[in-house]
C-alpha atoms as a PDB file:
ATOM      1  CA  UNK A   1     -15.516  64.407 -22.117  1.00  0.00           C
ATOM      2  CA  UNK A   2     -18.901  62.698 -22.181  1.00  0.00           C
ATOM      3  CA  UNK A   3     -19.946  60.681 -19.168  1.00  0.00           C
ATOM      4  CA  UNK A   4     -22.404  57.826 -19.203  1.00  0.00           C
ATOM      5  CA  UNK A   5     -25.593  57.936 -17.231  1.00  0.00           C
ATOM      6  CA  UNK A   6     -25.029  57.676 -13.491  1.00  0.00           C
ATOM      7  CA  UNK A   7     -26.365  54.625 -11.650  1.00  0.00           C
ATOM      8  CA  UNK A   8     -27.877  55.127  -8.252  1.00  0.00           C
ATOM      9  CA  UNK A   9     -26.805  52.740  -5.449  1.00  0.00           C
ATOM     10  CA  UNK A  10     -30.268  51.233  -5.408  1.00  0.00           C
ATOM     11  CA  UNK A  11     -29.929  50.215  -9.056  1.00  0.00           C
ATOM     12  CA  UNK A  12     -26.523  48.512  -8.684  1.00  0.00           C
ATOM     13  CA  UNK A  13     -26.540  44.692  -8.642  1.00  0.00           C
ATOM     14  CA  UNK A  14     -26.389  43.255  -5.150  1.00  0.00           C
ATOM     15  CA  UNK A  15     -23.139  41.444  -4.258  1.00  0.00           C
ATOM     16  CA  UNK A  16     -23.374  37.644  -4.479  1.00  0.00           C
ATOM     17  CA  UNK A  17     -21.528  34.994  -2.514  1.00  0.00           C
ATOM     18  CA  UNK A  18     -20.896  31.344  -3.216  1.00  0.00           C
ATOM     19  CA  UNK A  19     -22.201  28.746  -0.807  1.00  0.00           C
ATOM     20  CA  UNK A  20     -19.709  28.256   2.007  1.00  0.00           C
ATOM     21  CA  UNK A  21     -18.900  24.857   3.433  1.00  0.00           C
ATOM     22  CA  UNK A  22     -17.855  25.010   7.065  1.00  0.00           C
ATOM     23  CA  UNK A  23     -15.826  21.985   8.185  1.00  0.00           C
ATOM     24  CA  UNK A  24     -17.007  19.988  11.158  1.00  0.00           C
ATOM     25  CA  UNK A  25     -15.144  20.693  14.373  1.00  0.00           C
ATOM     26  CA  UNK A  26     -14.143  17.023  14.630  1.00  0.00           C
ATOM     27  CA  UNK A  27     -12.563  17.184  11.159  1.00  0.00           C
ATOM     28  CA  UNK A  28     -10.619  20.312  12.142  1.00  0.00           C
ATOM     29  CA  UNK A  29      -9.272  18.666  15.299  1.00  0.00           C
ATOM     30  CA  UNK A  30      -8.442  15.461  13.429  1.00  0.00           C
ATOM     31  CA  UNK A  31      -6.597  17.474  10.766  1.00  0.00           C
ATOM     32  CA  UNK A  32      -4.471  19.249  13.388  1.00  0.00           C
ATOM     33  CA  UNK A  33      -3.524  16.039  15.180  1.00  0.00           C
ATOM     34  CA  UNK A  34      -2.887  14.280  11.840  1.00  0.00           C
ATOM     35  CA  UNK A  35      -0.487  17.011  10.726  1.00  0.00           C
ATOM     36  CA  UNK A  36       1.403  16.934  14.020  1.00  0.00           C
ATOM     37  CA  UNK A  37       1.789  13.167  13.726  1.00  0.00           C
ATOM     38  CA  UNK A  38       2.906  13.214  10.098  1.00  0.00           C
ATOM     39  CA  UNK A  39       5.295  16.129  10.669  1.00  0.00           C
ATOM     40  CA  UNK A  40       7.044  14.130  13.370  1.00  0.00           C
ATOM     41  CA  UNK A  41       6.037  16.404  16.246  1.00  0.00           C
ATOM     42  CA  UNK A  42       4.145  13.506  17.837  1.00  0.00           C
ATOM     43  CA  UNK A  43       6.420  10.471  17.744  1.00  0.00           C
ATOM     44  CA  UNK A  44       5.474   6.815  17.587  1.00  0.00           C
ATOM     45  CA  UNK A  45       3.923   5.684  20.878  1.00  0.00           C
ATOM     46  CA  UNK A  46       3.254   9.204  22.173  1.00  0.00           C
ATOM     47  CA  UNK A  47       0.186   9.272  24.400  1.00  0.00           C
ATOM     48  CA  UNK A  48      -2.314  12.034  23.675  1.00  0.00           C
ATOM     49  CA  UNK A  49      -3.811  13.845  26.668  1.00  0.00           C
ATOM     50  CA  UNK A  50      -6.779  12.064  28.255  1.00  0.00           C
ATOM     51  CA  UNK A  51     -10.145  12.775  26.702  1.00  0.00           C
ATOM     52  CA  UNK A  52     -11.155  15.087  29.564  1.00  0.00           C
ATOM     53  CA  UNK A  53      -8.047  17.215  29.067  1.00  0.00           C
ATOM     54  CA  UNK A  54      -8.577  17.352  25.305  1.00  0.00           C
ATOM     55  CA  UNK A  55     -12.068  18.691  25.913  1.00  0.00           C
ATOM     56  CA  UNK A  56     -10.695  21.364  28.257  1.00  0.00           C
ATOM     57  CA  UNK A  57      -7.766  22.306  25.995  1.00  0.00           C
ATOM     58  CA  UNK A  58      -9.723  22.532  22.741  1.00  0.00           C
ATOM     59  CA  UNK A  59     -13.000  23.883  24.084  1.00  0.00           C
ATOM     60  CA  UNK A  60     -14.839  21.228  22.073  1.00  0.00           C
ATOM     61  CA  UNK A  61     -17.490  18.835  23.287  1.00  0.00           C
ATOM     62  CA  UNK A  62     -16.658  15.333  24.445  1.00  0.00           C
ATOM     63  CA  UNK A  63     -18.592  13.900  21.471  1.00  0.00           C
ATOM     64  CA  UNK A  64     -16.573  16.010  19.029  1.00  0.00           C
ATOM     65  CA  UNK A  65     -13.257  14.940  20.568  1.00  0.00           C
ATOM     66  CA  UNK A  66     -14.287  11.276  20.457  1.00  0.00           C
ATOM     67  CA  UNK A  67     -15.295  11.567  16.814  1.00  0.00           C
ATOM     68  CA  UNK A  68     -11.923  13.119  15.908  1.00  0.00           C
ATOM     69  CA  UNK A  69     -10.085  10.316  17.695  1.00  0.00           C
ATOM     70  CA  UNK A  70     -12.192   7.702  15.897  1.00  0.00           C
ATOM     71  CA  UNK A  71     -11.319   9.293  12.532  1.00  0.00           C
ATOM     72  CA  UNK A  72      -7.602   9.026  13.300  1.00  0.00           C
ATOM     73  CA  UNK A  73      -7.985   5.485  14.613  1.00  0.00           C
ATOM     74  CA  UNK A  74      -9.643   4.382  11.367  1.00  0.00           C
ATOM     75  CA  UNK A  75      -6.791   6.015   9.421  1.00  0.00           C
ATOM     76  CA  UNK A  76      -4.316   3.984  11.464  1.00  0.00           C
ATOM     77  CA  UNK A  77      -2.689   7.062  13.008  1.00  0.00           C
ATOM     78  CA  UNK A  78      -3.885   6.351  16.535  1.00  0.00           C
ATOM     79  CA  UNK A  79      -4.171   3.191  18.575  1.00  0.00           C
ATOM     80  CA  UNK A  80      -6.958   3.357  21.161  1.00  0.00           C
ATOM     81  CA  UNK A  81      -6.203   1.164  24.165  1.00  0.00           C
ATOM     82  CA  UNK A  82      -9.059   0.526  26.600  1.00  0.00           C
ATOM     83  CA  UNK A  83      -8.881   0.097  30.348  1.00  0.00           C
ATOM     84  CA  UNK A  84      -6.546   1.326  33.012  1.00  0.00           C
ATOM     85  CA  UNK A  85      -3.387   2.758  31.525  1.00  0.00           C
ATOM     86  CA  UNK A  86      -5.105   3.017  28.155  1.00  0.00           C
ATOM     87  CA  UNK A  87      -5.806   6.000  25.973  1.00  0.00           C
ATOM     88  CA  UNK A  88      -4.938   7.237  22.487  1.00  0.00           C
ATOM     89  CA  UNK A  89      -1.385   6.494  21.329  1.00  0.00           C
ATOM     90  CA  UNK A  90       0.326   7.695  18.166  1.00  0.00           C
ATOM     91  CA  UNK A  91       0.897   5.087  15.469  1.00  0.00           C
ATOM     92  CA  UNK A  92       2.833   6.300  12.450  1.00  0.00           C
ATOM     93  CA  UNK A  93       1.844   4.599   9.165  1.00  0.00           C
ATOM     94  CA  UNK A  94       4.275   2.128   7.634  1.00  0.00           C
ATOM     95  CA  UNK A  95       4.471  -0.174   4.636  1.00  0.00           C
ATOM     96  CA  UNK A  96       1.730  -2.419   6.047  1.00  0.00           C
ATOM     97  CA  UNK A  97      -0.644   0.535   6.197  1.00  0.00           C
ATOM     98  CA  UNK A  98       0.086   1.281   2.552  1.00  0.00           C
ATOM     99  CA  UNK A  99      -0.406  -2.344   1.541  1.00  0.00           C
ATOM    100  CA  UNK A 100      -3.745  -2.540   3.369  1.00  0.00           C
ATOM    101  CA  UNK A 101      -4.950   0.702   1.785  1.00  0.00           C
ATOM    102  CA  UNK A 102      -3.990  -0.443  -1.711  1.00  0.00           C
ATOM    103  CA  UNK A 103      -5.766  -3.750  -1.129  1.00  0.00           C
ATOM    104  CA  UNK A 104      -8.915  -1.928  -0.039  1.00  0.00           C
ATOM    105  CA  UNK A 105      -8.837   0.157  -3.223  1.00  0.00           C
ATOM    106  CA  UNK A 106      -8.272  -2.940  -5.365  1.00  0.00           C
ATOM    107  CA  UNK A 107     -11.207  -4.780  -3.814  1.00  0.00           C
ATOM    108  CA  UNK A 108     -13.468  -1.776  -3.363  1.00  0.00           C
ATOM    109  CA  UNK A 109     -13.080  -0.641  -6.977  1.00  0.00           C
ATOM    110  CA  UNK A 110     -13.081  -4.227  -8.310  1.00  0.00           C
ATOM    111  CA  UNK A 111      -9.897  -3.545 -10.219  1.00  0.00           C
ATOM    112  CA  UNK A 112      -9.477  -5.717 -13.318  1.00  0.00           C
ATOM    113  CA  UNK A 113      -7.025  -8.599 -13.001  1.00  0.00           C
ATOM    114  CA  UNK A 114      -5.472  -7.419 -16.243  1.00  0.00           C
ATOM    115  CA  UNK A 115      -4.779  -4.059 -14.597  1.00  0.00           C
ATOM    116  CA  UNK A 116      -3.166  -5.769 -11.609  1.00  0.00           C
ATOM    117  CA  UNK A 117      -0.868  -7.734 -13.886  1.00  0.00           C
ATOM    118  CA  UNK A 118      -0.044  -4.620 -15.908  1.00  0.00           C
ATOM    119  CA  UNK A 119       0.883  -2.766 -12.732  1.00  0.00           C
ATOM    120  CA  UNK A 120       3.020  -5.642 -11.564  1.00  0.00           C
ATOM    121  CA  UNK A 121       4.778  -5.825 -14.923  1.00  0.00           C
ATOM    122  CA  UNK A 122       5.494  -2.100 -14.684  1.00  0.00           C
ATOM    123  CA  UNK A 123       7.003  -1.993 -11.199  1.00  0.00           C
ATOM    124  CA  UNK A 124       8.433  -5.430 -10.372  1.00  0.00           C
ATOM    125  CA  UNK A 125      11.358  -5.234 -12.828  1.00  0.00           C
ATOM    126  CA  UNK A 126      12.249  -1.926 -11.133  1.00  0.00           C
ATOM    127  CA  UNK A 127      12.146  -3.723  -7.779  1.00  0.00           C
ATOM    128  CA  UNK A 128      14.546  -6.349  -9.107  1.00  0.00           C
ATOM    129  CA  UNK A 129      16.955  -3.739 -10.473  1.00  0.00           C
ATOM    130  CA  UNK A 130      16.975  -1.829  -7.202  1.00  0.00           C
ATOM    131  CA  UNK A 131      17.411  -5.087  -5.295  1.00  0.00           C
ATOM    132  CA  UNK A 132      20.519  -5.824  -7.380  1.00  0.00           C
ATOM    133  CA  UNK A 133      21.878  -2.414  -6.406  1.00  0.00           C
ATOM    134  CA  UNK A 134      20.975  -2.411  -2.715  1.00  0.00           C
ATOM    135  CA  UNK A 135      20.633  -6.021  -1.545  1.00  0.00           C
ATOM    136  CA  UNK A 136      22.255  -6.967   1.722  1.00  0.00           C
ATOM    137  CA  UNK A 137      23.524 -10.348   2.884  1.00  0.00           C
ATOM    138  CA  UNK A 138      20.323 -10.680   4.903  1.00  0.00           C
ATOM    139  CA  UNK A 139      18.208 -10.011   1.801  1.00  0.00           C
ATOM    140  CA  UNK A 140      20.085 -12.697  -0.122  1.00  0.00           C
ATOM    141  CA  UNK A 141      19.600 -15.160   2.734  1.00  0.00           C
ATOM    142  CA  UNK A 142      15.859 -14.464   2.756  1.00  0.00           C
ATOM    143  CA  UNK A 143      15.661 -14.872  -1.028  1.00  0.00           C
ATOM    144  CA  UNK A 144      17.442 -18.215  -0.746  1.00  0.00           C
ATOM    145  CA  UNK A 145      15.131 -19.315   2.069  1.00  0.00           C
ATOM    146  CA  UNK A 146      12.009 -18.364   0.103  1.00  0.00           C
ATOM    147  CA  UNK A 147      13.351 -20.174  -2.951  1.00  0.00           C
ATOM    148  CA  UNK A 148      14.149 -23.292  -0.894  1.00  0.00           C
ATOM    149  CA  UNK A 149      10.602 -23.251   0.497  1.00  0.00           C
ATOM    150  CA  UNK A 150       9.185 -22.979  -3.022  1.00  0.00           C
ATOM    151  CA  UNK A 151      11.296 -25.860  -4.329  1.00  0.00           C
ATOM    152  CA  UNK A 152      10.493 -27.968  -1.271  1.00  0.00           C
ATOM    153  CA  UNK A 153       6.734 -27.555  -1.690  1.00  0.00           C
ATOM    154  CA  UNK A 154       6.647 -30.513  -4.123  1.00  0.00           C
ATOM    155  CA  UNK A 155       2.979 -31.367  -4.822  1.00  0.00           C
ATOM    156  CA  UNK A 156       1.571 -29.004  -2.171  1.00  0.00           C
ATOM    157  CA  UNK A 157       0.273 -26.302  -4.523  1.00  0.00           C
ATOM    158  CA  UNK A 158      -0.935 -23.911  -1.837  1.00  0.00           C
ATOM    159  CA  UNK A 159       2.423 -24.079  -0.095  1.00  0.00           C
ATOM    160  CA  UNK A 160       4.113 -23.439  -3.442  1.00  0.00           C
ATOM    161  CA  UNK A 161       1.910 -20.395  -4.109  1.00  0.00           C
ATOM    162  CA  UNK A 162       2.555 -18.961  -0.641  1.00  0.00           C
ATOM    163  CA  UNK A 163       6.296 -19.416  -1.139  1.00  0.00           C
ATOM    164  CA  UNK A 164       5.987 -17.734  -4.523  1.00  0.00           C
ATOM    165  CA  UNK A 165       4.346 -14.663  -2.953  1.00  0.00           C
ATOM    166  CA  UNK A 166       7.010 -14.643  -0.239  1.00  0.00           C
ATOM    167  CA  UNK A 167       9.854 -14.687  -2.788  1.00  0.00           C
ATOM    168  CA  UNK A 168       8.407 -11.786  -4.781  1.00  0.00           C
ATOM    169  CA  UNK A 169       7.812  -9.842  -1.568  1.00  0.00           C
ATOM    170  CA  UNK A 170      11.431 -10.368  -0.513  1.00  0.00           C
ATOM    171  CA  UNK A 171      12.630  -9.003  -3.872  1.00  0.00           C
ATOM    172  CA  UNK A 172      10.592  -5.864  -3.209  1.00  0.00           C
ATOM    173  CA  UNK A 173      11.974  -5.609   0.323  1.00  0.00           C
ATOM    174  CA  UNK A 174      15.509  -5.879  -1.020  1.00  0.00           C
ATOM    175  CA  UNK A 175      14.800  -2.853  -3.225  1.00  0.00           C
ATOM    176  CA  UNK A 176      14.811  -0.680  -0.101  1.00  0.00           C
ATOM    177  CA  UNK A 177      11.957   1.438  -1.488  1.00  0.00           C
ATOM    178  CA  UNK A 178       9.098   1.665   1.013  1.00  0.00           C
ATOM    179  CA  UNK A 179       6.484   2.585  -1.595  1.00  0.00           C
ATOM    180  CA  UNK A 180       7.421  -0.269  -3.910  1.00  0.00           C
ATOM    181  CA  UNK A 181       7.397  -2.674  -0.968  1.00  0.00           C
ATOM    182  CA  UNK A 182       3.878  -1.615  -0.002  1.00  0.00           C
ATOM    183  CA  UNK A 183       2.553  -1.760  -3.558  1.00  0.00           C
ATOM    184  CA  UNK A 184       4.121  -5.152  -4.278  1.00  0.00           C
ATOM    185  CA  UNK A 185       2.839  -6.622  -1.043  1.00  0.00           C
ATOM    186  CA  UNK A 186      -0.720  -5.582  -1.929  1.00  0.00           C
ATOM    187  CA  UNK A 187      -0.445  -6.669  -5.575  1.00  0.00           C
ATOM    188  CA  UNK A 188       1.010 -10.070  -4.736  1.00  0.00           C
ATOM    189  CA  UNK A 189      -1.667 -10.807  -2.153  1.00  0.00           C
ATOM    190  CA  UNK A 190      -4.484  -9.644  -4.410  1.00  0.00           C
ATOM    191  CA  UNK A 191      -3.321 -11.575  -7.462  1.00  0.00           C
ATOM    192  CA  UNK A 192      -2.774 -14.694  -5.366  1.00  0.00           C
ATOM    193  CA  UNK A 193      -6.197 -14.410  -3.726  1.00  0.00           C
ATOM    194  CA  UNK A 194      -8.028 -13.660  -6.966  1.00  0.00           C
ATOM    195  CA  UNK A 195      -6.487 -16.204  -9.308  1.00  0.00           C
ATOM    196  CA  UNK A 196      -7.320 -19.911  -9.334  1.00  0.00           C
ATOM    197  CA  UNK A 197      -3.939 -21.355 -10.225  1.00  0.00           C
ATOM    198  CA  UNK A 198      -4.159 -24.918  -8.938  1.00  0.00           C
ATOM    199  CA  UNK A 199      -5.144 -26.365 -12.351  1.00  0.00           C
ATOM    200  CA  UNK A 200      -2.303 -24.371 -13.901  1.00  0.00           C
ATOM    201  CA  UNK A 201       0.522 -25.226 -11.504  1.00  0.00           C
ATOM    202  CA  UNK A 202       1.622 -28.581 -12.863  1.00  0.00           C
ATOM    203  CA  UNK A 203       5.142 -29.905 -12.324  1.00  0.00           C
ATOM    204  CA  UNK A 204       6.406 -28.285 -15.506  1.00  0.00           C
ATOM    205  CA  UNK A 205       5.169 -24.811 -14.572  1.00  0.00           C
ATOM    206  CA  UNK A 206       6.505 -25.162 -11.031  1.00  0.00           C
ATOM    207  CA  UNK A 207       9.898 -26.122 -12.375  1.00  0.00           C
ATOM    208  CA  UNK A 208       9.888 -23.221 -14.824  1.00  0.00           C
ATOM    209  CA  UNK A 209       8.997 -20.806 -12.017  1.00  0.00           C
ATOM    210  CA  UNK A 210      11.765 -22.147  -9.794  1.00  0.00           C
ATOM    211  CA  UNK A 211      14.352 -21.753 -12.566  1.00  0.00           C
ATOM    212  CA  UNK A 212      13.205 -18.189 -13.281  1.00  0.00           C
ATOM    213  CA  UNK A 213      13.489 -17.300  -9.604  1.00  0.00           C
ATOM    214  CA  UNK A 214      16.966 -18.798  -9.437  1.00  0.00           C
ATOM    215  CA  UNK A 215      18.146 -16.790 -12.455  1.00  0.00           C
ATOM    216  CA  UNK A 216      16.727 -13.548 -11.082  1.00  0.00           C
ATOM    217  CA  UNK A 217      18.310 -14.231  -7.694  1.00  0.00           C
ATOM    218  CA  UNK A 218      21.660 -14.867  -9.386  1.00  0.00           C
ATOM    219  CA  UNK A 219      21.446 -11.459 -11.104  1.00  0.00           C
ATOM    220  CA  UNK A 220      20.513  -9.757  -7.830  1.00  0.00           C
ATOM    221  CA  UNK A 221      23.381 -11.473  -6.043  1.00  0.00           C
ATOM    222  CA  UNK A 222      25.790 -10.403  -8.802  1.00  0.00           C
ATOM    223  CA  UNK A 223      24.574  -6.804  -8.610  1.00  0.00           C
ATOM    224  CA  UNK A 224      23.583  -6.900 -12.285  1.00  0.00           C
ATOM    225  CA  UNK A 225      20.669  -4.449 -12.420  1.00  0.00           C
ATOM    226  CA  UNK A 226      19.998  -4.801 -16.155  1.00  0.00           C
ATOM    227  CA  UNK A 227      19.890  -8.594 -16.021  1.00  0.00           C
ATOM    228  CA  UNK A 228      17.704  -8.600 -12.910  1.00  0.00           C
ATOM    229  CA  UNK A 229      15.166  -6.259 -14.551  1.00  0.00           C
ATOM    230  CA  UNK A 230      15.232  -8.143 -17.868  1.00  0.00           C
ATOM    231  CA  UNK A 231      14.757 -11.557 -16.268  1.00  0.00           C
ATOM    232  CA  UNK A 232      12.006 -10.298 -13.982  1.00  0.00           C
ATOM    233  CA  UNK A 233      10.185  -8.760 -16.944  1.00  0.00           C
ATOM    234  CA  UNK A 234      10.301 -12.040 -18.816  1.00  0.00           C
ATOM    235  CA  UNK A 235       9.118 -13.926 -15.738  1.00  0.00           C
ATOM    236  CA  UNK A 236       6.128 -11.768 -14.731  1.00  0.00           C
ATOM    237  CA  UNK A 237       4.928 -11.216 -18.318  1.00  0.00           C
ATOM    238  CA  UNK A 238       5.087 -14.944 -19.011  1.00  0.00           C
ATOM    239  CA  UNK A 239       3.226 -15.695 -15.780  1.00  0.00           C
ATOM    240  CA  UNK A 240       0.436 -13.203 -16.555  1.00  0.00           C
ATOM    241  CA  UNK A 241      -0.051 -14.595 -20.037  1.00  0.00           C
ATOM    242  CA  UNK A 242      -0.058 -18.224 -18.923  1.00  0.00           C
ATOM    243  CA  UNK A 243      -2.383 -17.555 -15.962  1.00  0.00           C
ATOM    244  CA  UNK A 244      -4.861 -15.739 -18.207  1.00  0.00           C
ATOM    245  CA  UNK A 245      -5.195 -18.856 -20.349  1.00  0.00           C
ATOM    246  CA  UNK A 246      -6.553 -20.876 -17.433  1.00  0.00           C
ATOM    247  CA  UNK A 247      -8.376 -18.226 -15.403  1.00  0.00           C
ATOM    248  CA  UNK A 248     -10.751 -16.014 -17.393  1.00  0.00           C
ATOM    249  CA  UNK A 249     -12.086 -13.819 -14.590  1.00  0.00           C
ATOM    250  CA  UNK A 250     -11.790 -10.121 -15.360  1.00  0.00           C
ATOM    251  CA  UNK A 251     -11.975  -8.692 -11.828  1.00  0.00           C
ATOM    252  CA  UNK A 252     -11.380  -9.781  -8.266  1.00  0.00           C
END
């Protein structure tokens, strides 16, 4: 058996290592507290130990502990209350946190209005179908109240538009799906804020919108998921097309 030439240790290639990234101590502490909040170990309203105790327990500097708490406060997972009896208190994220985050992404990325409408067309019929399956008497009462407010707006266009957003938000709430509720809340607010609809909302369009809402509500009340989804699809697609004819902006 023939062996190749031997290689002395000095001739072997030296081991190489990739550049290592060491996380900041504040990020490590924030990650631990975040996980304990999200896992349910720290319940809503739980007070974290005072800053001095956190420094003693973790062995970190006061500045590092403060930075970690600020990170979690910005994320909405902690509420920092000043003064006597204050401190850092656990705040578990809810649908409003999701809606605010989605709105920040929409505005920060300057999402196209067309993309907002496409997203709405994709998920709002699903909201209507789920609402038909899960709606409660309270949901139906809120839908009726939002519809009555919309009809009663008369020539007050801004009141009409606010009532329109409220009605669509109630449909999402009736779906019972927290993610859909958060997404629809953000989409409705963003589309309303970004679209100049006053020249578009004449009496004919307002009447058409009111009739569409009434038909969708009837399907939800009857528990007819297919009809609720079909009527909502027709409504939101028609709205997007008509709004685009009067408002030619491409982003918010």
